[in-house]
Amino acid sequence: MQVQILYGSSITSKEQLHELLAERLAFPSYYGHNLDALHDCLSELSQPVQLIICEKDALCANLGDYGSKFLLVLQDSADENELLQIEYR
């Protein structure tokens, strides 16, 4: 299982968030760098992935409403794809 840890305090923009996810999860080159595209890619994962989100309060503070929406997309994607596990620390 691939394990990726995201630290909310180090993510300061939605662009940075999407670049980080695209790189670490090897999203296809056509990844749209938005929440809809993120949901699509996470829902279609074919290998097990565990995303560990540390400092989610800092993430939401840095990204505002976008951070909260991001967390909802993660949960929705995990609900649809049993290969995706989300953990909060």
N, C-alpha and C. Protein backbone atom coordinates (compact mmCIF):
# COMPACT_ATOMS: atom_id res chain seq x y z
N MET A 1 0.83 -1.18 0.00
CA MET A 1 0.00 0.00 0.00
C MET A 1 0.88 1.24 0.00
N GLN A 2 0.55 2.17 -0.87
CA GLN A 2 1.24 3.45 -0.89
C GLN A 2 0.69 4.32 0.23
N VAL A 3 1.59 4.91 1.02
CA VAL A 3 1.20 5.81 2.11
C VAL A 3 1.78 7.18 1.83
N GLN A 4 0.90 8.18 1.87
CA GLN A 4 1.33 9.57 1.68
C GLN A 4 0.85 10.40 2.86
N ILE A 5 1.73 11.23 3.38
CA ILE A 5 1.40 12.08 4.52
C ILE A 5 1.40 13.53 4.05
N LEU A 6 0.31 14.23 4.33
CA LEU A 6 0.21 15.65 4.01
C LEU A 6 0.16 16.44 5.31
N TYR A 7 0.99 17.46 5.41
CA TYR A 7 1.01 18.33 6.59
C TYR A 7 0.32 19.64 6.24
N GLY A 8 -0.82 19.87 6.87
CA GLY A 8 -1.64 21.03 6.56
C GLY A 8 -0.92 22.36 6.73
N SER A 9 -0.02 22.45 7.70
CA SER A 9 0.67 23.72 7.94
C SER A 9 1.62 24.09 6.80
N SER A 10 2.02 23.10 6.00
CA SER A 10 2.96 23.39 4.91
C SER A 10 2.26 23.64 3.58
N ILE A 11 0.94 23.49 3.54
CA ILE A 11 0.19 23.71 2.30
C ILE A 11 -0.48 25.07 2.40
N THR A 12 -0.05 25.98 1.54
CA THR A 12 -0.51 27.37 1.68
C THR A 12 -1.36 27.87 0.51
N SER A 13 -1.55 27.03 -0.51
CA SER A 13 -2.40 27.44 -1.63
C SER A 13 -3.03 26.21 -2.26
N LYS A 14 -4.15 26.42 -2.92
CA LYS A 14 -4.80 25.28 -3.58
C LYS A 14 -3.95 24.78 -4.75
N GLU A 15 -3.21 25.67 -5.39
CA GLU A 15 -2.32 25.25 -6.47
C GLU A 15 -1.24 24.31 -5.94
N GLN A 16 -0.66 24.68 -4.81
CA GLN A 16 0.36 23.85 -4.18
C GLN A 16 -0.22 22.49 -3.78
N LEU A 17 -1.43 22.49 -3.23
CA LEU A 17 -2.10 21.25 -2.84
C LEU A 17 -2.24 20.31 -4.03
N HIS A 18 -2.74 20.83 -5.14
CA HIS A 18 -2.96 19.99 -6.31
C HIS A 18 -1.65 19.51 -6.93
N GLU A 19 -0.64 20.36 -6.96
CA GLU A 19 0.67 19.95 -7.48
C GLU A 19 1.25 18.81 -6.63
N LEU A 20 1.14 18.95 -5.33
CA LEU A 20 1.65 17.94 -4.41
C LEU A 20 0.94 16.61 -4.61
N LEU A 21 -0.38 16.64 -4.68
CA LEU A 21 -1.14 15.41 -4.88
C LEU A 21 -0.85 14.77 -6.24
N ALA A 22 -0.79 15.59 -7.27
CA ALA A 22 -0.53 15.08 -8.62
C ALA A 22 0.83 14.38 -8.68
N GLU A 23 1.82 14.98 -8.03
CA GLU A 23 3.16 14.40 -8.03
C GLU A 23 3.23 13.12 -7.21
N ARG A 24 2.73 13.19 -5.99
CA ARG A 24 2.86 12.03 -5.09
C ARG A 24 2.01 10.84 -5.52
N LEU A 25 0.85 11.11 -6.11
CA LEU A 25 -0.04 10.02 -6.50
C LEU A 25 0.05 9.68 -7.98
N ALA A 26 0.99 10.31 -8.67
CA ALA A 26 1.24 10.04 -10.08
C ALA A 26 -0.03 10.13 -10.92
N PHE A 27 -0.74 11.26 -10.74
CA PHE A 27 -1.94 11.48 -11.54
C PHE A 27 -1.55 11.68 -13.00
N PRO A 28 -2.47 11.39 -13.91
CA PRO A 28 -2.16 11.54 -15.34
C PRO A 28 -1.91 13.01 -15.70
N SER A 29 -1.24 13.22 -16.80
CA SER A 29 -0.87 14.57 -17.23
C SER A 29 -2.09 15.47 -17.47
N TYR A 30 -3.22 14.88 -17.74
CA TYR A 30 -4.43 15.67 -18.00
C TYR A 30 -5.20 16.03 -16.72
N TYR A 31 -4.64 15.71 -15.55
CA TYR A 31 -5.28 16.05 -14.28
C TYR A 31 -5.59 17.54 -14.26
N GLY A 32 -6.82 17.89 -13.94
CA GLY A 32 -7.30 19.25 -14.04
C GLY A 32 -6.98 20.19 -12.89
N HIS A 33 -6.31 19.72 -11.84
CA HIS A 33 -5.92 20.56 -10.71
C HIS A 33 -7.09 21.30 -10.10
N ASN A 34 -8.20 20.59 -9.91
CA ASN A 34 -9.37 21.14 -9.21
C ASN A 34 -10.03 20.01 -8.45
N LEU A 35 -11.02 20.32 -7.64
CA LEU A 35 -11.63 19.31 -6.77
C LEU A 35 -12.40 18.25 -7.54
N ASP A 36 -13.04 18.62 -8.63
CA ASP A 36 -13.75 17.62 -9.45
C ASP A 36 -12.77 16.62 -10.04
N ALA A 37 -11.67 17.12 -10.57
CA ALA A 37 -10.65 16.24 -11.15
C ALA A 37 -10.01 15.37 -10.07
N LEU A 38 -9.82 15.94 -8.89
CA LEU A 38 -9.27 15.17 -7.78
C LEU A 38 -10.19 14.01 -7.43
N HIS A 39 -11.46 14.29 -7.31
CA HIS A 39 -12.43 13.23 -7.01
C HIS A 39 -12.38 12.14 -8.08
N ASP A 40 -12.34 12.53 -9.33
CA ASP A 40 -12.27 11.55 -10.42
C ASP A 40 -11.03 10.66 -10.29
N CYS A 41 -9.88 11.28 -10.07
CA CYS A 41 -8.63 10.50 -9.99
C CYS A 41 -8.62 9.59 -8.75
N LEU A 42 -9.07 10.10 -7.62
CA LEU A 42 -9.08 9.28 -6.41
C LEU A 42 -10.09 8.15 -6.51
N SER A 43 -11.20 8.40 -7.15
CA SER A 43 -12.23 7.36 -7.30
C SER A 43 -11.79 6.25 -8.24
N GLU A 44 -10.81 6.56 -9.10
CA GLU A 44 -10.35 5.59 -10.10
C GLU A 44 -9.02 4.93 -9.72
N LEU A 45 -8.53 5.16 -8.51
CA LEU A 45 -7.28 4.52 -8.10
C LEU A 45 -7.40 3.01 -8.23
N SER A 46 -6.37 2.39 -8.76
CA SER A 46 -6.40 0.93 -8.93
C SER A 46 -5.44 0.22 -7.99
N GLN A 47 -4.67 0.98 -7.23
CA GLN A 47 -3.76 0.43 -6.23
C GLN A 47 -4.12 1.04 -4.87
N PRO A 48 -3.93 0.29 -3.78
CA PRO A 48 -4.26 0.82 -2.46
C PRO A 48 -3.42 2.04 -2.09
N VAL A 49 -4.09 3.05 -1.58
CA VAL A 49 -3.44 4.29 -1.15
C VAL A 49 -4.01 4.70 0.20
N GLN A 50 -3.13 5.06 1.10
CA GLN A 50 -3.55 5.65 2.37
C GLN A 50 -3.04 7.07 2.41
N LEU A 51 -3.95 8.02 2.55
CA LEU A 51 -3.59 9.43 2.72
C LEU A 51 -3.73 9.77 4.19
N ILE A 52 -2.67 10.23 4.79
CA ILE A 52 -2.69 10.65 6.19
C ILE A 52 -2.62 12.17 6.19
N ILE A 53 -3.66 12.78 6.74
CA ILE A 53 -3.74 14.23 6.80
C ILE A 53 -3.39 14.67 8.22
N CYS A 54 -2.27 15.32 8.37
CA CYS A 54 -1.85 15.87 9.66
C CYS A 54 -2.15 17.36 9.66
N GLU A 55 -2.53 17.88 10.80
CA GLU A 55 -2.77 19.32 10.95
C GLU A 55 -3.90 19.80 10.03
N LYS A 56 -5.03 19.08 10.06
CA LYS A 56 -6.13 19.47 9.17
C LYS A 56 -6.68 20.84 9.52
N ASP A 57 -6.60 21.23 10.79
CA ASP A 57 -7.05 22.58 11.16
C ASP A 57 -6.18 23.65 10.51
N ALA A 58 -4.88 23.40 10.44
CA ALA A 58 -3.97 24.33 9.78
C ALA A 58 -4.25 24.38 8.28
N LEU A 59 -4.55 23.23 7.70
CA LEU A 59 -4.90 23.16 6.28
C LEU A 59 -6.11 24.04 6.00
N CYS A 60 -7.14 23.90 6.82
CA CYS A 60 -8.36 24.70 6.63
C CYS A 60 -8.10 26.18 6.90
N ALA A 61 -7.23 26.47 7.85
CA ALA A 61 -6.89 27.88 8.12
C ALA A 61 -6.15 28.48 6.93
N ASN A 62 -5.24 27.71 6.32
CA ASN A 62 -4.46 28.20 5.19
C ASN A 62 -5.29 28.33 3.92
N LEU A 63 -6.22 27.40 3.71
CA LEU A 63 -6.97 27.36 2.44
C LEU A 63 -8.40 27.85 2.58
N GLY A 64 -8.82 28.14 3.79
CA GLY A 64 -10.19 28.62 4.00
C GLY A 64 -11.22 27.58 3.61
N ASP A 65 -12.29 28.03 3.00
CA ASP A 65 -13.38 27.16 2.60
C ASP A 65 -12.91 26.06 1.65
N TYR A 66 -11.91 26.35 0.85
CA TYR A 66 -11.37 25.35 -0.08
C TYR A 66 -10.81 24.15 0.67
N GLY A 67 -10.18 24.40 1.81
CA GLY A 67 -9.64 23.31 2.61
C GLY A 67 -10.74 22.38 3.11
N SER A 68 -11.84 22.96 3.56
CA SER A 68 -12.97 22.15 4.02
C SER A 68 -13.57 21.35 2.88
N LYS A 69 -13.68 21.96 1.72
CA LYS A 69 -14.21 21.25 0.54
C LYS A 69 -13.27 20.13 0.12
N PHE A 70 -11.98 20.37 0.21
CA PHE A 70 -10.99 19.35 -0.10
C PHE A 70 -11.18 18.12 0.79
N LEU A 71 -11.35 18.34 2.09
CA LEU A 71 -11.54 17.23 3.02
C LEU A 71 -12.82 16.45 2.70
N LEU A 72 -13.86 17.15 2.29
CA LEU A 72 -15.11 16.47 1.89
C LEU A 72 -14.90 15.62 0.64
N VAL A 73 -14.13 16.14 -0.30
CA VAL A 73 -13.84 15.37 -1.52
C VAL A 73 -13.05 14.12 -1.18
N LEU A 74 -12.10 14.23 -0.25
CA LEU A 74 -11.34 13.05 0.16
C LEU A 74 -12.28 11.98 0.71
N GLN A 75 -13.19 12.38 1.59
CA GLN A 75 -14.09 11.42 2.20
C GLN A 75 -15.04 10.82 1.18
N ASP A 76 -15.58 11.65 0.30
CA ASP A 76 -16.48 11.14 -0.75
C ASP A 76 -15.75 10.13 -1.64
N SER A 77 -14.51 10.44 -1.98
CA SER A 77 -13.73 9.55 -2.83
C SER A 77 -13.44 8.22 -2.13
N ALA A 78 -13.12 8.30 -0.83
CA ALA A 78 -12.86 7.08 -0.06
C ALA A 78 -14.13 6.24 0.07
N ASP A 79 -15.26 6.89 0.18
CA ASP A 79 -16.53 6.17 0.26
C ASP A 79 -16.82 5.41 -1.04
N GLU A 80 -16.36 5.95 -2.15
CA GLU A 80 -16.59 5.33 -3.47
C GLU A 80 -15.53 4.30 -3.85
N ASN A 81 -14.33 4.45 -3.33
CA ASN A 81 -13.23 3.57 -3.72
C ASN A 81 -12.62 2.93 -2.48
N GLU A 82 -12.83 1.65 -2.34
CA GLU A 82 -12.32 0.94 -1.16
C GLU A 82 -10.80 0.88 -1.11
N LEU A 83 -10.12 1.19 -2.19
CA LEU A 83 -8.66 1.19 -2.21
C LEU A 83 -8.07 2.46 -1.61
N LEU A 84 -8.91 3.45 -1.34
CA LEU A 84 -8.44 4.71 -0.75
C LEU A 84 -8.84 4.77 0.72
N GLN A 85 -7.84 4.98 1.56
CA GLN A 85 -8.06 5.14 3.00
C GLN A 85 -7.59 6.53 3.40
N ILE A 86 -8.42 7.20 4.19
CA ILE A 86 -8.07 8.53 4.69
C ILE A 86 -7.93 8.44 6.21
N GLU A 87 -6.85 8.99 6.72
CA GLU A 87 -6.63 9.02 8.16
C GLU A 87 -6.26 10.43 8.57
N TYR A 88 -6.80 10.87 9.68
CA TYR A 88 -6.51 12.22 10.21
C TYR A 88 -5.72 12.07 11.50
N ARG A 89 -4.67 12.86 11.60
CA ARG A 89 -3.83 12.86 12.82
C ARG A 89 -3.67 14.27 13.32
